[in-house]
Amino acid sequence: MTAVQDSSRLSQVVAHWLPRIQTAGIAAIDASRLIAAADEWPNWCAIWSAEAERHLAMAEAALGHGRGVTAGEAYVRAALFFHFAQFMFFDDLDAKDHAARRKVEAYGKAAPLLVPPARPIAVRFKDGVLHAYLRLPARTPAPAVIIVPGSDSTKEEFAGLEDQFLRRGLATLSVDGPGQGEGRSFGTLTPDWAPVLGAIGDALAAEPGLNGRIGVMGMAFGGHLVLQGAHALKHLAGAVCMNGFYDLGAFWDELPEVYRANMRYTLGGATPEATRERAQLFTLAAAPPPACPVLALHGGLDKIFPLKDAERLKSFAKESEMVVFPEGNHVCNNIAYVYRPLIADWLAERSGAAP
């Protein structure tokens, strides 16, 4: 049985998602139009995918006229519509996978047209590669920020977030880790992120245009993963946990039903009990803290990762700072104009970026 059953439930759930959709770069008027067109959850993926195809056609037309900037913007929009087509959609995994593939293709066409462009990077990991995009600011060599997605986000969602760092003189590397986006080729999410961040750090060390200084930030579930593995990064200036958690197992029974569906997909487990057992592996209880400063941000109205658990992050590292926004929802996307500049400024100051 799907976690979103009828039009009334769809409206309730999507009202929670709308700030995130808008923050990613889709206008609220377009999102509202598609929500109304879908009407019922089984229609969601098809309606959003059709809209994505429309923006792809716009991008191709612009490119045919030599309008690279316009084409790049349309390709990014297409990737975002494909992303949200498959976002939290577990009713038809073939349709979900198709939308995810089209998202990757659309963003791949956008990448060289962005300002500044995004260059694909293959991070060697185990017996394969992790896929990432590197963007450089106007002045180089520059420090870099590694951007880690959560359980339902991917590197293609972050063009707008990257701009916050680029304007402050920081390079960005948005990456799909194991179990995220293209990283699904490695299986489900892994609780041990030290090898992942170590491999990413090694890849950055070989890239021209960077000065060796690194910052790292993770979104939601990615915030937890970043803190779990940050000790493996050399020359780390700062680590940011954006609305993450300390111990997933501690509040597993409190998770909303729709998020449990996400967890079954991203954590794996043939049964609910098996997924619960996987969830208990995601804890910072035994993780070595990073030597760098840690900034943890959290929304007081978060209904997914409770504040009471996140408050345990205040004592995780020797130099930890926690900022709670009482009015913030999950990942504070309803006040993105507050948290995004704060993170960018904090990491720019600690890494010595020169805008």
Protein backbone atom coordinates (compact mmCIF):
# COMPACT_ATOMS: atom_id res chain seq x y z
CA MET A 1 0.00 0.00 0.00
CA THR A 2 1.36 3.41 -0.96
CA ALA A 3 2.13 5.98 1.73
CA VAL A 4 0.09 8.61 -0.18
CA GLN A 5 -3.37 7.29 -0.94
CA ASP A 6 -5.80 9.96 -2.14
CA SER A 7 -6.04 13.56 -3.31
CA SER A 8 -6.63 14.94 0.18
CA ARG A 9 -3.62 13.09 1.55
CA LEU A 10 -1.62 14.20 -1.48
CA SER A 11 -2.41 17.84 -0.74
CA GLN A 12 -1.36 17.46 2.89
CA VAL A 13 1.92 15.75 2.09
CA VAL A 14 2.85 18.02 -0.80
CA ALA A 15 2.21 21.13 1.28
CA HIS A 16 5.14 19.92 3.38
CA TRP A 17 7.30 19.40 0.26
CA LEU A 18 6.48 22.67 -1.52
CA PRO A 19 9.14 24.81 0.23
CA ARG A 20 11.81 22.31 -0.76
CA ILE A 21 10.61 22.16 -4.36
CA GLN A 22 10.64 25.95 -4.57
CA THR A 23 14.03 26.27 -2.87
CA ALA A 24 15.54 23.84 -5.39
CA GLY A 25 14.54 26.15 -8.23
CA ILE A 26 10.99 25.30 -9.33
CA ALA A 27 8.56 28.21 -9.13
CA ALA A 28 5.70 27.72 -6.68
CA ILE A 29 3.16 28.54 -9.39
CA ASP A 30 4.50 25.70 -11.56
CA ALA A 31 4.61 23.26 -8.68
CA SER A 32 1.03 24.13 -7.68
CA ARG A 33 -0.14 23.66 -11.26
CA LEU A 34 1.41 20.18 -11.44
CA ILE A 35 0.06 19.18 -8.04
CA ALA A 36 -3.44 20.10 -9.21
CA ALA A 37 -2.94 18.26 -12.49
CA ALA A 38 -1.77 15.10 -10.73
CA ASP A 39 -4.76 15.18 -8.36
CA GLU A 40 -4.01 11.66 -7.09
CA TRP A 41 -0.68 10.16 -6.12
CA PRO A 42 -0.49 7.42 -8.82
CA ASN A 43 -0.42 10.22 -11.43
CA TRP A 44 2.43 12.13 -9.79
CA CYS A 45 5.48 10.71 -11.56
CA ALA A 46 3.92 10.83 -15.03
CA ILE A 47 2.69 14.43 -14.68
CA TRP A 48 6.02 15.74 -13.41
CA SER A 49 7.97 13.73 -16.00
CA ALA A 50 5.85 15.20 -18.81
CA GLU A 51 6.64 18.68 -17.54
CA ALA A 52 10.32 17.80 -17.46
CA GLU A 53 10.17 16.69 -21.10
CA ARG A 54 8.59 20.05 -22.00
CA HIS A 55 11.54 21.90 -20.47
CA LEU A 56 13.96 19.58 -22.24
CA ALA A 57 12.36 20.59 -25.54
CA MET A 58 12.74 24.26 -24.57
CA ALA A 59 16.42 23.65 -23.82
CA GLU A 60 17.02 21.93 -27.16
CA ALA A 61 15.29 24.77 -29.02
CA ALA A 62 17.40 27.39 -27.24
CA LEU A 63 20.57 25.44 -27.93
CA GLY A 64 19.62 25.24 -31.61
CA HIS A 65 19.61 29.04 -31.68
CA GLY A 66 23.00 29.26 -29.96
CA ARG A 67 21.50 30.49 -26.68
CA GLY A 68 23.67 28.50 -24.28
CA VAL A 69 22.74 30.25 -21.04
CA THR A 70 19.01 29.89 -21.72
CA ALA A 71 19.49 26.25 -22.69
CA GLY A 72 21.49 25.54 -19.54
CA GLU A 73 18.78 27.03 -17.34
CA ALA A 74 16.09 24.98 -19.09
CA TYR A 75 18.13 21.77 -18.77
CA VAL A 76 18.49 22.41 -15.03
CA ARG A 77 14.75 22.93 -14.71
CA ALA A 78 14.13 19.70 -16.63
CA ALA A 79 16.47 17.84 -14.27
CA LEU A 80 14.62 19.26 -11.28
CA PHE A 81 11.21 18.27 -12.63
CA PHE A 82 12.51 14.75 -13.27
CA HIS A 83 14.00 14.70 -9.78
CA PHE A 84 10.72 15.56 -8.10
CA ALA A 85 8.85 13.20 -10.42
CA GLN A 86 10.66 10.28 -8.79
CA PHE A 87 11.12 11.89 -5.36
CA MET A 88 9.38 9.72 -2.73
CA PHE A 89 7.60 7.78 -5.51
CA PHE A 90 7.82 4.08 -4.70
CA ASP A 91 4.59 2.80 -6.29
CA ASP A 92 6.23 2.02 -9.65
CA LEU A 93 9.99 1.54 -9.36
CA ASP A 94 10.43 1.22 -13.13
CA ALA A 95 8.86 4.66 -13.59
CA LYS A 96 10.96 5.99 -10.72
CA ASP A 97 14.17 4.64 -12.25
CA HIS A 98 13.29 6.03 -15.68
CA ALA A 99 12.72 9.53 -14.27
CA ALA A 100 15.98 9.28 -12.32
CA ARG A 101 17.91 8.36 -15.47
CA ARG A 102 16.34 11.21 -17.41
CA LYS A 103 17.29 13.58 -14.59
CA VAL A 104 20.94 12.54 -14.86
CA GLU A 105 20.86 12.97 -18.65
CA ALA A 106 19.26 16.41 -18.45
CA TYR A 107 21.73 17.69 -15.88
CA GLY A 108 24.62 16.26 -17.87
CA LYS A 109 23.55 18.50 -20.76
CA ALA A 110 23.17 21.49 -18.43
CA ALA A 111 26.56 21.09 -16.76
CA PRO A 112 28.85 22.64 -19.42
CA LEU A 113 26.38 25.50 -19.96
CA LEU A 114 26.20 26.63 -16.34
CA VAL A 115 27.94 29.81 -15.23
CA PRO A 116 30.45 28.75 -14.02
CA PRO A 117 30.31 25.34 -15.72
CA ALA A 118 30.06 22.06 -13.82
CA ARG A 119 32.68 19.47 -14.72
CA PRO A 120 31.90 15.77 -14.11
CA ILE A 121 34.31 14.08 -11.71
CA ALA A 122 34.66 10.32 -11.26
CA VAL A 123 35.67 9.48 -7.69
CA ARG A 124 37.34 6.09 -7.48
CA PHE A 125 35.62 4.06 -4.76
CA LYS A 126 35.93 0.35 -4.10
CA ASP A 127 35.55 -1.39 -7.47
CA GLY A 128 33.71 1.48 -9.17
CA VAL A 129 33.28 5.24 -9.18
CA LEU A 130 31.11 7.80 -7.42
CA HIS A 131 29.77 10.54 -9.68
CA ALA A 132 30.20 14.21 -8.83
CA TYR A 133 30.24 17.69 -10.39
CA LEU A 134 32.97 20.25 -9.68
CA ARG A 135 32.41 23.98 -10.18
CA LEU A 136 35.17 26.58 -9.73
CA PRO A 137 34.70 30.22 -8.66
CA ALA A 138 36.11 33.17 -10.59
CA ARG A 139 39.33 33.28 -8.55
CA THR A 140 41.50 30.20 -8.25
CA PRO A 141 43.14 28.38 -6.60
CA ALA A 142 40.23 28.15 -4.19
CA PRO A 143 39.06 26.07 -1.24
CA ALA A 144 36.33 23.54 -1.98
CA VAL A 145 33.07 22.56 -0.30
CA ILE A 146 31.85 18.97 -0.60
CA ILE A 147 28.02 18.91 -0.73
CA VAL A 148 26.47 15.61 0.38
CA PRO A 149 22.80 14.83 -0.38
CA GLY A 150 20.35 13.19 1.99
CA SER A 151 18.33 10.02 1.59
CA ASP A 152 16.08 11.43 -1.13
CA SER A 153 18.17 14.18 -2.72
CA THR A 154 20.95 13.96 -5.33
CA LYS A 155 23.71 16.12 -6.76
CA GLU A 156 21.44 17.41 -9.54
CA GLU A 157 19.31 19.28 -6.99
CA PHE A 158 22.03 21.66 -5.83
CA ALA A 159 22.80 24.19 -8.60
CA GLY A 160 21.15 27.00 -6.64
CA LEU A 161 22.87 26.03 -3.40
CA GLU A 162 26.23 25.84 -5.18
CA ASP A 163 25.84 29.45 -6.31
CA GLN A 164 25.86 30.56 -2.66
CA PHE A 165 29.36 29.15 -2.24
CA LEU A 166 30.69 30.16 -5.65
CA ARG A 167 29.81 33.81 -5.05
CA ARG A 168 31.91 33.65 -1.87
CA GLY A 169 34.98 32.26 -3.60
CA LEU A 170 34.45 28.57 -2.80
CA ALA A 171 34.54 25.75 -5.31
CA THR A 172 31.79 23.15 -4.99
CA LEU A 173 31.78 19.40 -5.40
CA SER A 174 28.27 17.93 -5.31
CA VAL A 175 28.46 14.15 -5.12
CA ASP A 176 26.21 11.10 -5.00
CA GLY A 177 27.52 8.77 -2.31
CA PRO A 178 26.72 5.06 -2.04
CA GLY A 179 22.95 4.62 -2.11
CA GLN A 180 22.31 8.18 -3.36
CA GLY A 181 21.31 8.96 -6.95
CA GLU A 182 23.83 7.35 -9.29
CA GLY A 183 25.43 5.85 -6.19
CA ARG A 184 22.59 3.31 -6.09
CA SER A 185 24.95 1.16 -8.14
CA PHE A 186 26.72 0.46 -4.81
CA GLY A 187 23.48 -0.62 -3.14
CA THR A 188 21.71 1.14 -0.28
CA LEU A 189 23.00 3.82 2.09
CA THR A 190 26.09 2.86 4.05
CA PRO A 191 26.55 3.88 7.69
CA ASP A 192 30.35 4.13 7.34
CA TRP A 193 31.24 7.33 5.52
CA ALA A 194 34.93 7.59 6.42
CA PRO A 195 36.00 5.59 3.31
CA VAL A 196 33.58 7.61 1.17
CA LEU A 197 34.84 11.02 2.27
CA GLY A 198 38.42 9.76 2.19
CA ALA A 199 37.99 8.81 -1.47
CA ILE A 200 36.38 12.15 -2.27
CA GLY A 201 39.22 13.99 -0.53
CA ASP A 202 41.77 12.08 -2.58
CA ALA A 203 39.94 12.97 -5.79
CA LEU A 204 39.90 16.66 -4.90
CA ALA A 205 43.62 16.62 -4.10
CA ALA A 206 44.31 15.76 -7.75
CA GLU A 207 42.15 18.56 -9.17
CA PRO A 208 43.71 21.78 -10.54
CA GLY A 209 42.22 25.08 -9.40
CA LEU A 210 41.95 24.08 -5.74
CA ASN A 211 44.22 25.10 -2.87
CA GLY A 212 43.79 21.99 -0.70
CA ARG A 213 41.49 23.53 1.91
CA ILE A 214 38.17 21.69 2.26
CA GLY A 215 34.80 22.26 3.88
CA VAL A 216 31.97 19.74 3.91
CA MET A 217 28.24 19.97 4.40
CA GLY A 218 25.43 17.45 4.37
CA MET A 219 21.70 17.90 3.88
CA ALA A 220 19.37 16.13 6.34
CA PHE A 221 20.44 12.45 6.32
CA GLY A 222 23.59 13.66 4.59
CA GLY A 223 24.35 15.83 7.61
CA HIS A 224 24.61 12.70 9.72
CA LEU A 225 26.77 10.96 7.11
CA VAL A 226 29.13 13.94 6.92
CA LEU A 227 29.71 13.98 10.66
CA GLN A 228 30.14 10.21 10.77
CA GLY A 229 33.00 10.27 8.27
CA ALA A 230 34.49 13.78 8.47
CA HIS A 231 37.47 12.61 10.52
CA ALA A 232 38.82 10.96 7.36
CA LEU A 233 39.25 14.27 5.51
CA LYS A 234 42.60 16.05 5.56
CA HIS A 235 42.88 19.85 5.78
CA LEU A 236 39.23 20.10 6.80
CA ALA A 237 38.30 23.68 7.71
CA GLY A 238 34.75 23.01 8.87
CA ALA A 239 31.86 20.55 8.76
CA VAL A 240 28.17 21.50 8.55
CA CYS A 241 25.24 19.27 9.47
CA MET A 242 22.09 20.80 8.00
CA ASN A 243 19.11 19.38 9.88
CA GLY A 244 20.63 15.96 10.47
CA PHE A 245 20.47 13.60 13.42
CA TYR A 246 22.63 11.81 15.98
CA ASP A 247 21.01 8.36 16.23
CA LEU A 248 18.36 7.20 13.74
CA GLY A 249 17.37 4.17 15.80
CA ALA A 250 16.55 6.36 18.79
CA PHE A 251 13.51 7.88 17.08
CA TRP A 252 12.70 5.24 14.47
CA ASP A 253 9.21 4.61 15.88
CA GLU A 254 8.38 8.33 15.60
CA LEU A 255 9.08 8.63 11.87
CA PRO A 256 6.10 9.58 9.66
CA GLU A 257 4.68 6.81 7.48
CA VAL A 258 5.68 8.50 4.22
CA TYR A 259 9.29 8.73 5.39
CA ARG A 260 9.31 5.06 6.36
CA ALA A 261 8.65 4.24 2.70
CA ASN A 262 11.71 6.29 1.84
CA MET A 263 13.74 4.42 4.46
CA ARG A 264 12.71 1.02 3.11
CA TYR A 265 14.03 2.08 -0.30
CA THR A 266 17.22 3.83 0.83
CA LEU A 267 18.27 1.57 3.72
CA GLY A 268 17.06 -1.74 2.31
CA GLY A 269 15.61 -4.65 4.25
CA ALA A 270 13.18 -7.31 3.08
CA THR A 271 10.91 -6.70 6.06
CA PRO A 272 10.08 -3.71 8.29
CA GLU A 273 12.09 -5.31 11.07
CA ALA A 274 15.11 -5.72 8.79
CA THR A 275 14.89 -2.04 7.85
CA ARG A 276 14.69 -1.13 11.53
CA GLU A 277 17.85 -3.14 12.19
CA ARG A 278 19.60 -1.29 9.37
CA ALA A 279 18.46 2.04 10.83
CA GLN A 280 20.13 1.25 14.15
CA LEU A 281 23.52 1.25 12.39
CA PHE A 282 23.24 4.97 11.68
CA THR A 283 24.51 6.48 14.91
CA LEU A 284 27.36 8.77 15.90
CA ALA A 285 27.82 6.99 19.23
CA ALA A 286 31.13 5.39 18.21
CA ALA A 287 32.19 7.80 15.46
CA PRO A 288 35.46 9.71 15.94
CA PRO A 289 34.70 13.45 15.84
CA PRO A 290 36.50 15.64 13.31
CA ALA A 291 39.27 17.91 14.51
CA CYS A 292 37.65 20.89 12.76
CA PRO A 293 34.78 23.11 13.96
CA VAL A 294 31.26 21.70 13.47
CA LEU A 295 28.13 23.74 12.76
CA ALA A 296 24.77 22.02 13.26
CA LEU A 297 21.59 23.77 12.10
CA HIS A 298 18.08 22.54 12.78
CA GLY A 299 14.46 23.53 12.32
CA GLY A 300 12.35 23.61 15.44
CA LEU A 301 9.28 22.46 13.46
CA ASP A 302 11.00 19.45 11.88
CA LYS A 303 8.55 16.52 11.90
CA ILE A 304 11.07 13.98 10.57
CA PHE A 305 14.34 14.35 12.50
CA PRO A 306 13.35 15.55 15.98
CA LEU A 307 15.17 18.41 17.63
CA LYS A 308 15.63 16.43 20.84
CA ASP A 309 17.88 13.98 19.00
CA ALA A 310 19.72 16.66 17.00
CA GLU A 311 20.59 18.50 20.22
CA ARG A 312 22.99 15.66 20.99
CA LEU A 313 25.19 17.05 18.20
CA LYS A 314 26.14 19.98 20.42
CA SER A 315 28.68 17.81 22.24
CA PHE A 316 29.81 15.69 19.29
CA ALA A 317 33.00 17.62 18.45
CA LYS A 318 35.40 19.64 20.59
CA GLU A 319 34.27 22.82 18.84
CA SER A 320 30.58 22.43 18.05
CA GLU A 321 28.02 25.16 17.47
CA MET A 322 24.29 24.58 17.14
CA VAL A 323 21.76 27.01 15.73
CA VAL A 324 18.05 26.25 16.05
CA PHE A 325 15.51 28.14 13.97
CA PRO A 326 12.20 27.80 15.89
CA GLU A 327 10.15 28.55 12.75
CA GLY A 328 12.16 26.20 10.50
CA ASN A 329 10.66 23.06 8.99
CA HIS A 330 12.61 19.97 7.86
CA VAL A 331 15.89 21.29 6.41
CA CYS A 332 14.49 24.81 7.01
CA ASN A 333 13.46 25.14 3.37
CA ASN A 334 10.75 27.57 4.45
CA ILE A 335 13.56 29.95 5.46
CA ALA A 336 16.24 29.03 2.93
CA TYR A 337 17.21 32.71 2.69
CA VAL A 338 18.44 32.40 6.28
CA TYR A 339 20.24 29.07 6.45
CA ARG A 340 21.94 29.05 3.04
CA PRO A 341 23.87 32.33 3.44
CA LEU A 342 24.76 31.37 7.01
CA ILE A 343 26.35 28.07 5.91
CA ALA A 344 28.14 29.70 2.97
CA ASP A 345 29.52 32.53 5.11
CA TRP A 346 30.57 30.16 7.91
CA LEU A 347 32.50 27.86 5.57
CA ALA A 348 34.00 30.72 3.56
CA GLU A 349 35.33 32.36 6.73
CA ARG A 350 36.87 29.16 8.04
CA SER A 351 38.44 28.13 4.75
CA GLY A 352 39.90 31.55 3.94
CA ALA A 353 37.95 31.93 0.69
CA ALA A 354 38.60 35.08 -1.34
CA PRO A 355 35.43 36.23 -3.15
